[in-house]
mmCIF file of all heavy atoms, coordinates in Angstrom:
data_MODEL
# 
_entry.id   MODEL 
# 
loop_
_atom_site.group_PDB 
_atom_site.id 
_atom_site.type_symbol 
_atom_site.label_atom_id 
_atom_site.label_alt_id 
_atom_site.label_comp_id 
_atom_site.label_asym_id 
_atom_site.label_entity_id 
_atom_site.label_seq_id 
_atom_site.pdbx_PDB_ins_code 
_atom_site.Cartn_x 
_atom_site.Cartn_y 
_atom_site.Cartn_z 
_atom_site.occupancy 
_atom_site.B_iso_or_equiv 
_atom_site.pdbx_formal_charge 
_atom_site.auth_seq_id 
_atom_site.auth_comp_id 
_atom_site.auth_asym_id 
_atom_site.auth_atom_id 
_atom_site.pdbx_PDB_model_num 
ATOM 1   N N   . ALA A 1 1  ? 0.904  -1.238  -0.041  1.00 0.00 ? 1  ALA A N   1 
ATOM 2   C CA  . ALA A 1 1  ? 0.021  0.020   -0.048  1.00 0.00 ? 1  ALA A CA  1 
ATOM 3   C C   . ALA A 1 1  ? 0.943  1.329   0.000   1.00 0.00 ? 1  ALA A C   1 
ATOM 4   O O   . ALA A 1 1  ? 0.559  2.273   -0.678  1.00 0.00 ? 1  ALA A O   1 
ATOM 5   C CB  . ALA A 1 1  ? -0.948 0.046   1.228   1.00 0.00 ? 1  ALA A CB  1 
ATOM 6   N N   . GLY A 1 2  ? 1.951  1.215   0.693   1.00 0.00 ? 2  GLY A N   1 
ATOM 7   C CA  . GLY A 1 2  ? 2.886  2.330   0.739   1.00 0.00 ? 2  GLY A CA  1 
ATOM 8   C C   . GLY A 1 2  ? 3.539  2.571   -0.668  1.00 0.00 ? 2  GLY A C   1 
ATOM 9   O O   . GLY A 1 2  ? 3.750  3.779   -1.047  1.00 0.00 ? 2  GLY A O   1 
ATOM 10  N N   . MET A 1 3  ? 3.826  1.542   -1.288  1.00 0.00 ? 3  MET A N   1 
ATOM 11  C CA  . MET A 1 3  ? 4.401  1.684   -2.664  1.00 0.00 ? 3  MET A CA  1 
ATOM 12  C C   . MET A 1 3  ? 3.469  2.402   -3.633  1.00 0.00 ? 3  MET A C   1 
ATOM 13  O O   . MET A 1 3  ? 3.761  3.246   -4.474  1.00 0.00 ? 3  MET A O   1 
ATOM 14  C CB  . MET A 1 3  ? 4.830  0.381   -3.271  1.00 0.00 ? 3  MET A CB  1 
ATOM 15  C CG  . MET A 1 3  ? 6.056  -0.236  -2.588  1.00 0.00 ? 3  MET A CG  1 
ATOM 16  S SD  . MET A 1 3  ? 6.792  -1.733  -3.368  1.00 0.00 ? 3  MET A SD  1 
ATOM 17  C CE  . MET A 1 3  ? 5.508  -2.978  -3.148  1.00 0.00 ? 3  MET A CE  1 
ATOM 18  N N   . ILE A 1 4  ? 2.152  2.006   -3.463  1.00 0.00 ? 4  ILE A N   1 
ATOM 19  C CA  . ILE A 1 4  ? 1.129  2.633   -4.278  1.00 0.00 ? 4  ILE A CA  1 
ATOM 20  C C   . ILE A 1 4  ? 0.999  4.147   -3.988  1.00 0.00 ? 4  ILE A C   1 
ATOM 21  O O   . ILE A 1 4  ? 0.884  5.001   -4.835  1.00 0.00 ? 4  ILE A O   1 
ATOM 22  C CB  . ILE A 1 4  ? -0.195 1.932   -4.134  1.00 0.00 ? 4  ILE A CB  1 
ATOM 23  C CG1 . ILE A 1 4  ? -0.128 0.493   -4.664  1.00 0.00 ? 4  ILE A CG1 1 
ATOM 24  C CG2 . ILE A 1 4  ? -1.363 2.676   -4.779  1.00 0.00 ? 4  ILE A CG2 1 
ATOM 25  C CD1 . ILE A 1 4  ? 0.155  0.322   -6.066  1.00 0.00 ? 4  ILE A CD1 1 
ATOM 26  N N   . GLU A 1 5  ? 1.005  4.441   -2.609  1.00 0.00 ? 5  GLU A N   1 
ATOM 27  C CA  . GLU A 1 5  ? 1.046  5.801   -2.273  1.00 0.00 ? 5  GLU A CA  1 
ATOM 28  C C   . GLU A 1 5  ? 2.121  6.673   -2.760  1.00 0.00 ? 5  GLU A C   1 
ATOM 29  O O   . GLU A 1 5  ? 1.862  7.749   -3.273  1.00 0.00 ? 5  GLU A O   1 
ATOM 30  C CB  . GLU A 1 5  ? 1.023  5.930   -0.726  1.00 0.00 ? 5  GLU A CB  1 
ATOM 31  C CG  . GLU A 1 5  ? -0.224 5.447   -0.020  1.00 0.00 ? 5  GLU A CG  1 
ATOM 32  C CD  . GLU A 1 5  ? -1.398 6.314   -0.339  1.00 0.00 ? 5  GLU A CD  1 
ATOM 33  O OE1 . GLU A 1 5  ? -1.243 7.577   -0.761  1.00 0.00 ? 5  GLU A OE1 1 
ATOM 34  O OE2 . GLU A 1 5  ? -2.609 5.912   -0.181  1.00 0.00 ? 5  GLU A OE2 1 
ATOM 35  N N   . ALA A 1 6  ? 3.349  6.034   -2.790  1.00 0.00 ? 6  ALA A N   1 
ATOM 36  C CA  . ALA A 1 6  ? 4.455  6.723   -3.315  1.00 0.00 ? 6  ALA A CA  1 
ATOM 37  C C   . ALA A 1 6  ? 4.301  7.003   -4.790  1.00 0.00 ? 6  ALA A C   1 
ATOM 38  O O   . ALA A 1 6  ? 4.695  8.090   -5.365  1.00 0.00 ? 6  ALA A O   1 
ATOM 39  C CB  . ALA A 1 6  ? 5.774  5.969   -3.027  1.00 0.00 ? 6  ALA A CB  1 
ATOM 40  N N   . LEU A 1 7  ? 3.842  6.006   -5.549  1.00 0.00 ? 7  LEU A N   1 
ATOM 41  C CA  . LEU A 1 7  ? 3.627  6.179   -6.956  1.00 0.00 ? 7  LEU A CA  1 
ATOM 42  C C   . LEU A 1 7  ? 2.550  7.228   -7.194  1.00 0.00 ? 7  LEU A C   1 
ATOM 43  O O   . LEU A 1 7  ? 2.775  8.156   -8.192  1.00 0.00 ? 7  LEU A O   1 
ATOM 44  C CB  . LEU A 1 7  ? 3.229  4.947   -7.729  1.00 0.00 ? 7  LEU A CB  1 
ATOM 45  C CG  . LEU A 1 7  ? 4.251  3.786   -7.529  1.00 0.00 ? 7  LEU A CG  1 
ATOM 46  C CD1 . LEU A 1 7  ? 3.725  2.519   -8.200  1.00 0.00 ? 7  LEU A CD1 1 
ATOM 47  C CD2 . LEU A 1 7  ? 5.509  4.244   -8.333  1.00 0.00 ? 7  LEU A CD2 1 
ATOM 48  N N   . VAL A 1 8  ? 1.516  7.260   -6.530  1.00 0.00 ? 8  VAL A N   1 
ATOM 49  C CA  . VAL A 1 8  ? 0.500  8.297   -6.654  1.00 0.00 ? 8  VAL A CA  1 
ATOM 50  C C   . VAL A 1 8  ? 1.066  9.722   -6.407  1.00 0.00 ? 8  VAL A C   1 
ATOM 51  O O   . VAL A 1 8  ? 0.812  10.630  -7.184  1.00 0.00 ? 8  VAL A O   1 
ATOM 52  C CB  . VAL A 1 8  ? -0.696 7.999   -5.688  1.00 0.00 ? 8  VAL A CB  1 
ATOM 53  C CG1 . VAL A 1 8  ? -1.587 9.235   -5.667  1.00 0.00 ? 8  VAL A CG1 1 
ATOM 54  C CG2 . VAL A 1 8  ? -1.479 6.793   -6.157  1.00 0.00 ? 8  VAL A CG2 1 
ATOM 55  N N   . ALA A 1 9  ? 1.790  9.871   -5.320  1.00 0.00 ? 9  ALA A N   1 
ATOM 56  C CA  . ALA A 1 9  ? 2.287  11.108  -4.951  1.00 0.00 ? 9  ALA A CA  1 
ATOM 57  C C   . ALA A 1 9  ? 3.324  11.707  -6.034  1.00 0.00 ? 9  ALA A C   1 
ATOM 58  O O   . ALA A 1 9  ? 3.296  12.880  -6.322  1.00 0.00 ? 9  ALA A O   1 
ATOM 59  C CB  . ALA A 1 9  ? 3.122  11.008  -3.690  1.00 0.00 ? 9  ALA A CB  1 
ATOM 60  N N   . ASP A 1 10 ? 4.108  10.779  -6.723  1.00 0.00 ? 10 ASP A N   1 
ATOM 61  C CA  . ASP A 1 10 ? 5.079  11.210  -7.689  1.00 0.00 ? 10 ASP A CA  1 
ATOM 62  C C   . ASP A 1 10 ? 4.357  11.429  -9.152  1.00 0.00 ? 10 ASP A C   1 
ATOM 63  O O   . ASP A 1 10 ? 4.382  12.511  -9.636  1.00 0.00 ? 10 ASP A O   1 
ATOM 64  C CB  . ASP A 1 10 ? 6.234  10.208  -7.763  1.00 0.00 ? 10 ASP A CB  1 
ATOM 65  C CG  . ASP A 1 10 ? 7.313  10.758  -8.706  1.00 0.00 ? 10 ASP A CG  1 
ATOM 66  O OD1 . ASP A 1 10 ? 7.249  11.766  -9.341  1.00 0.00 ? 10 ASP A OD1 1 
ATOM 67  O OD2 . ASP A 1 10 ? 8.369  9.974   -8.871  1.00 0.00 ? 10 ASP A OD2 1 
ATOM 68  N N   . TYR A 1 11 ? 3.861  10.345  -9.596  1.00 0.00 ? 11 TYR A N   1 
ATOM 69  C CA  . TYR A 1 11 ? 3.394  10.354  -10.986 1.00 0.00 ? 11 TYR A CA  1 
ATOM 70  C C   . TYR A 1 11 ? 2.086  11.137  -11.212 1.00 0.00 ? 11 TYR A C   1 
ATOM 71  O O   . TYR A 1 11 ? 1.878  11.776  -12.109 1.00 0.00 ? 11 TYR A O   1 
ATOM 72  C CB  . TYR A 1 11 ? 3.331  8.891   -11.539 1.00 0.00 ? 11 TYR A CB  1 
ATOM 73  C CG  . TYR A 1 11 ? 4.682  8.349   -11.665 1.00 0.00 ? 11 TYR A CG  1 
ATOM 74  C CD1 . TYR A 1 11 ? 5.311  7.564   -10.606 1.00 0.00 ? 11 TYR A CD1 1 
ATOM 75  C CD2 . TYR A 1 11 ? 5.431  8.501   -12.848 1.00 0.00 ? 11 TYR A CD2 1 
ATOM 76  C CE1 . TYR A 1 11 ? 6.547  7.058   -10.769 1.00 0.00 ? 11 TYR A CE1 1 
ATOM 77  C CE2 . TYR A 1 11 ? 6.717  7.921   -12.945 1.00 0.00 ? 11 TYR A CE2 1 
ATOM 78  C CZ  . TYR A 1 11 ? 7.299  7.207   -11.959 1.00 0.00 ? 11 TYR A CZ  1 
ATOM 79  O OH  . TYR A 1 11 ? 8.596  6.690   -12.115 1.00 0.00 ? 11 TYR A OH  1 
ATOM 80  N N   . ALA A 1 12 ? 1.149  10.801  -10.229 1.00 0.00 ? 12 ALA A N   1 
ATOM 81  C CA  . ALA A 1 12 ? -0.148 11.402  -10.495 1.00 0.00 ? 12 ALA A CA  1 
ATOM 82  C C   . ALA A 1 12 ? -0.266 12.882  -9.818  1.00 0.00 ? 12 ALA A C   1 
ATOM 83  O O   . ALA A 1 12 ? -0.595 13.819  -10.524 1.00 0.00 ? 12 ALA A O   1 
ATOM 84  C CB  . ALA A 1 12 ? -1.225 10.502  -9.697  1.00 0.00 ? 12 ALA A CB  1 
ATOM 85  N N   . ASP A 1 13 ? 0.072  13.003  -8.575  1.00 0.00 ? 13 ASP A N   1 
ATOM 86  C CA  . ASP A 1 13 ? 0.040  14.355  -7.953  1.00 0.00 ? 13 ASP A CA  1 
ATOM 87  C C   . ASP A 1 13 ? 1.039  15.372  -8.386  1.00 0.00 ? 13 ASP A C   1 
ATOM 88  O O   . ASP A 1 13 ? 0.719  16.520  -8.820  1.00 0.00 ? 13 ASP A O   1 
ATOM 89  C CB  . ASP A 1 13 ? 0.204  14.215  -6.439  1.00 0.00 ? 13 ASP A CB  1 
ATOM 90  C CG  . ASP A 1 13 ? -1.022 13.386  -5.776  1.00 0.00 ? 13 ASP A CG  1 
ATOM 91  O OD1 . ASP A 1 13 ? -2.076 13.265  -6.422  1.00 0.00 ? 13 ASP A OD1 1 
ATOM 92  O OD2 . ASP A 1 13 ? -0.921 12.910  -4.703  1.00 0.00 ? 13 ASP A OD2 1 
ATOM 93  N N   . LYS A 1 14 ? 2.333  14.935  -8.516  1.00 0.00 ? 14 LYS A N   1 
ATOM 94  C CA  . LYS A 1 14 ? 3.377  15.832  -8.860  1.00 0.00 ? 14 LYS A CA  1 
ATOM 95  C C   . LYS A 1 14 ? 3.576  16.050  -10.332 1.00 0.00 ? 14 LYS A C   1 
ATOM 96  O O   . LYS A 1 14 ? 3.633  17.237  -10.819 1.00 0.00 ? 14 LYS A O   1 
ATOM 97  C CB  . LYS A 1 14 ? 4.696  15.226  -8.333  1.00 0.00 ? 14 LYS A CB  1 
ATOM 98  C CG  . LYS A 1 14 ? 5.906  16.226  -8.507  1.00 0.00 ? 14 LYS A CG  1 
ATOM 99  C CD  . LYS A 1 14 ? 7.209  15.666  -7.916  1.00 0.00 ? 14 LYS A CD  1 
ATOM 100 C CE  . LYS A 1 14 ? 8.464  16.509  -8.248  1.00 0.00 ? 14 LYS A CE  1 
ATOM 101 N NZ  . LYS A 1 14 ? 9.705  15.877  -7.632  1.00 0.00 ? 14 LYS A NZ  1 
ATOM 102 N N   . ARG A 1 15 ? 3.489  14.978  -11.131 1.00 0.00 ? 15 ARG A N   1 
ATOM 103 C CA  . ARG A 1 15 ? 3.698  15.043  -12.552 1.00 0.00 ? 15 ARG A CA  1 
ATOM 104 C C   . ARG A 1 15 ? 2.385  15.175  -13.405 1.00 0.00 ? 15 ARG A C   1 
ATOM 105 O O   . ARG A 1 15 ? 2.458  15.527  -14.565 1.00 0.00 ? 15 ARG A O   1 
ATOM 106 C CB  . ARG A 1 15 ? 4.487  13.863  -13.096 1.00 0.00 ? 15 ARG A CB  1 
ATOM 107 C CG  . ARG A 1 15 ? 5.778  13.569  -12.333 1.00 0.00 ? 15 ARG A CG  1 
ATOM 108 C CD  . ARG A 1 15 ? 6.625  12.502  -13.252 1.00 0.00 ? 15 ARG A CD  1 
ATOM 109 N NE  . ARG A 1 15 ? 7.556  11.805  -12.374 1.00 0.00 ? 15 ARG A NE  1 
ATOM 110 C CZ  . ARG A 1 15 ? 8.471  11.020  -12.885 1.00 0.00 ? 15 ARG A CZ  1 
ATOM 111 N NH1 . ARG A 1 15 ? 8.495  10.850  -14.130 1.00 0.00 ? 15 ARG A NH1 1 
ATOM 112 N NH2 . ARG A 1 15 ? 9.238  10.409  -12.072 1.00 0.00 ? 15 ARG A NH2 1 
ATOM 113 N N   . GLY A 1 16 ? 1.281  14.921  -12.712 1.00 0.00 ? 16 GLY A N   1 
ATOM 114 C CA  . GLY A 1 16 ? 0.035  14.942  -13.439 1.00 0.00 ? 16 GLY A CA  1 
ATOM 115 C C   . GLY A 1 16 ? -0.264 13.942  -14.518 1.00 0.00 ? 16 GLY A C   1 
ATOM 116 O O   . GLY A 1 16 ? -0.925 14.126  -15.426 1.00 0.00 ? 16 GLY A O   1 
ATOM 117 N N   . GLN A 1 17 ? 0.327  12.733  -14.275 1.00 0.00 ? 17 GLN A N   1 
ATOM 118 C CA  . GLN A 1 17 ? 0.160  11.693  -15.181 1.00 0.00 ? 17 GLN A CA  1 
ATOM 119 C C   . GLN A 1 17 ? -0.913 10.682  -14.706 1.00 0.00 ? 17 GLN A C   1 
ATOM 120 O O   . GLN A 1 17 ? -1.243 10.637  -13.466 1.00 0.00 ? 17 GLN A O   1 
ATOM 121 C CB  . GLN A 1 17 ? 1.469  10.896  -15.360 1.00 0.00 ? 17 GLN A CB  1 
ATOM 122 C CG  . GLN A 1 17 ? 2.615  11.742  -15.874 1.00 0.00 ? 17 GLN A CG  1 
ATOM 123 C CD  . GLN A 1 17 ? 3.978  11.068  -15.906 1.00 0.00 ? 17 GLN A CD  1 
ATOM 124 O OE1 . GLN A 1 17 ? 4.129  9.886   -15.567 1.00 0.00 ? 17 GLN A OE1 1 
ATOM 125 N NE2 . GLN A 1 17 ? 4.974  11.782  -16.357 1.00 0.00 ? 17 GLN A NE2 1 
ATOM 126 N N   . MET A 1 18 ? -1.488 9.886   -15.603 1.00 0.00 ? 18 MET A N   1 
ATOM 127 C CA  . MET A 1 18 ? -2.320 8.757   -15.155 1.00 0.00 ? 18 MET A CA  1 
ATOM 128 C C   . MET A 1 18 ? -1.366 7.570   -14.883 1.00 0.00 ? 18 MET A C   1 
ATOM 129 O O   . MET A 1 18 ? -0.477 7.290   -15.646 1.00 0.00 ? 18 MET A O   1 
ATOM 130 C CB  . MET A 1 18 ? -3.238 8.409   -16.199 1.00 0.00 ? 18 MET A CB  1 
ATOM 131 C CG  . MET A 1 18 ? -4.279 7.299   -15.827 1.00 0.00 ? 18 MET A CG  1 
ATOM 132 S SD  . MET A 1 18 ? -5.519 6.788   -16.994 1.00 0.00 ? 18 MET A SD  1 
ATOM 133 C CE  . MET A 1 18 ? -4.701 5.506   -17.894 1.00 0.00 ? 18 MET A CE  1 
ATOM 134 N N   . ILE A 1 19 ? -1.638 6.878   -13.716 1.00 0.00 ? 19 ILE A N   1 
ATOM 135 C CA  . ILE A 1 19 ? -0.981 5.694   -13.394 1.00 0.00 ? 19 ILE A CA  1 
ATOM 136 C C   . ILE A 1 19 ? -1.721 4.485   -13.781 1.00 0.00 ? 19 ILE A C   1 
ATOM 137 O O   . ILE A 1 19 ? -2.960 4.500   -13.509 1.00 0.00 ? 19 ILE A O   1 
ATOM 138 C CB  . ILE A 1 19 ? -0.566 5.650   -11.963 1.00 0.00 ? 19 ILE A CB  1 
ATOM 139 C CG1 . ILE A 1 19 ? 0.107  6.881   -11.500 1.00 0.00 ? 19 ILE A CG1 1 
ATOM 140 C CG2 . ILE A 1 19 ? 0.232  4.357   -11.553 1.00 0.00 ? 19 ILE A CG2 1 
ATOM 141 C CD1 . ILE A 1 19 ? 0.270  6.965   -9.957  1.00 0.00 ? 19 ILE A CD1 1 
ATOM 142 N N   . SER A 1 20 ? -1.157 3.502   -14.491 1.00 0.00 ? 20 SER A N   1 
ATOM 143 C CA  . SER A 1 20 ? -1.758 2.286   -14.852 1.00 0.00 ? 20 SER A CA  1 
ATOM 144 C C   . SER A 1 20 ? -1.033 1.154   -14.241 1.00 0.00 ? 20 SER A C   1 
ATOM 145 O O   . SER A 1 20 ? 0.110  0.920   -14.674 1.00 0.00 ? 20 SER A O   1 
ATOM 146 C CB  . SER A 1 20 ? -1.834 2.141   -16.337 1.00 0.00 ? 20 SER A CB  1 
ATOM 147 O OG  . SER A 1 20 ? -2.492 1.030   -16.786 1.00 0.00 ? 20 SER A OG  1 
ATOM 148 N N   . VAL A 1 21 ? -1.692 0.290   -13.383 1.00 0.00 ? 21 VAL A N   1 
ATOM 149 C CA  . VAL A 1 21 ? -1.027 -0.764  -12.688 1.00 0.00 ? 21 VAL A CA  1 
ATOM 150 C C   . VAL A 1 21 ? -1.823 -2.075  -13.076 1.00 0.00 ? 21 VAL A C   1 
ATOM 151 O O   . VAL A 1 21 ? -3.019 -2.124  -12.982 1.00 0.00 ? 21 VAL A O   1 
ATOM 152 C CB  . VAL A 1 21 ? -1.006 -0.558  -11.158 1.00 0.00 ? 21 VAL A CB  1 
ATOM 153 C CG1 . VAL A 1 21 ? -0.445 -1.760  -10.457 1.00 0.00 ? 21 VAL A CG1 1 
ATOM 154 C CG2 . VAL A 1 21 ? -0.320 0.727   -10.770 1.00 0.00 ? 21 VAL A CG2 1 
ATOM 155 N N   . LEU A 1 22 ? -0.981 -3.013  -13.509 1.00 0.00 ? 22 LEU A N   1 
ATOM 156 C CA  . LEU A 1 22 ? -1.593 -4.314  -13.765 1.00 0.00 ? 22 LEU A CA  1 
ATOM 157 C C   . LEU A 1 22 ? -0.949 -5.424  -12.781 1.00 0.00 ? 22 LEU A C   1 
ATOM 158 O O   . LEU A 1 22 ? 0.155  -5.788  -12.966 1.00 0.00 ? 22 LEU A O   1 
ATOM 159 C CB  . LEU A 1 22 ? -1.275 -4.794  -15.203 1.00 0.00 ? 22 LEU A CB  1 
ATOM 160 C CG  . LEU A 1 22 ? -1.829 -6.190  -15.564 1.00 0.00 ? 22 LEU A CG  1 
ATOM 161 C CD1 . LEU A 1 22 ? -3.401 -6.200  -15.348 1.00 0.00 ? 22 LEU A CD1 1 
ATOM 162 C CD2 . LEU A 1 22 ? -1.418 -6.593  -16.969 1.00 0.00 ? 22 LEU A CD2 1 
ATOM 163 N N   . PRO A 1 23 ? -1.607 -5.746  -11.639 1.00 0.00 ? 23 PRO A N   1 
ATOM 164 C CA  . PRO A 1 23 ? -1.070 -6.720  -10.651 1.00 0.00 ? 23 PRO A CA  1 
ATOM 165 C C   . PRO A 1 23 ? -1.112 -8.109  -11.348 1.00 0.00 ? 23 PRO A C   1 
ATOM 166 O O   . PRO A 1 23 ? -1.862 -8.353  -12.257 1.00 0.00 ? 23 PRO A O   1 
ATOM 167 C CB  . PRO A 1 23 ? -2.073 -6.735  -9.597  1.00 0.00 ? 23 PRO A CB  1 
ATOM 168 C CG  . PRO A 1 23 ? -2.851 -5.439  -9.785  1.00 0.00 ? 23 PRO A CG  1 
ATOM 169 C CD  . PRO A 1 23 ? -2.885 -5.282  -11.284 1.00 0.00 ? 23 PRO A CD  1 
ATOM 170 N N   . CYS A 1 24 ? -0.355 -9.025  -10.926 1.00 0.00 ? 24 CYS A N   1 
ATOM 171 C CA  . CYS A 1 24 ? -0.336 -10.383 -11.380 1.00 0.00 ? 24 CYS A CA  1 
ATOM 172 C C   . CYS A 1 24 ? -1.519 -11.169 -10.796 1.00 0.00 ? 24 CYS A C   1 
ATOM 173 O O   . CYS A 1 24 ? -2.184 -10.711 -9.828  1.00 0.00 ? 24 CYS A O   1 
ATOM 174 C CB  . CYS A 1 24 ? 0.963  -11.154 -11.154 1.00 0.00 ? 24 CYS A CB  1 
ATOM 175 S SG  . CYS A 1 24 ? 1.344  -11.361 -9.369  1.00 0.00 ? 24 CYS A SG  1 
ATOM 176 N N   . ALA A 1 25 ? -1.821 -12.376 -11.354 1.00 0.00 ? 25 ALA A N   1 
ATOM 177 C CA  . ALA A 1 25 ? -2.830 -13.210 -10.753 1.00 0.00 ? 25 ALA A CA  1 
ATOM 178 C C   . ALA A 1 25 ? -2.405 -13.667 -9.415  1.00 0.00 ? 25 ALA A C   1 
ATOM 179 O O   . ALA A 1 25 ? -1.218 -13.889 -9.159  1.00 0.00 ? 25 ALA A O   1 
ATOM 180 C CB  . ALA A 1 25 ? -3.114 -14.322 -11.625 1.00 0.00 ? 25 ALA A CB  1 
ATOM 181 N N   . SER A 1 26 ? -3.317 -13.649 -8.417  1.00 0.00 ? 26 SER A N   1 
ATOM 182 C CA  . SER A 1 26 ? -3.058 -14.007 -7.131  1.00 0.00 ? 26 SER A CA  1 
ATOM 183 C C   . SER A 1 26 ? -3.145 -15.653 -7.013  1.00 0.00 ? 26 SER A C   1 
ATOM 184 O O   . SER A 1 26 ? -3.674 -16.296 -7.787  1.00 0.00 ? 26 SER A O   1 
ATOM 185 C CB  . SER A 1 26 ? -4.103 -13.506 -6.083  1.00 0.00 ? 26 SER A CB  1 
ATOM 186 O OG  . SER A 1 26 ? -3.908 -13.852 -4.789  1.00 0.00 ? 26 SER A OG  1 
# 
């Protein structure tokens, strides 16, 4: 969850980009 928060803070909030994440099958 912390890794997701860090990606949101950098790529979405700071850079204004859309983040696209594809997790693997569980």
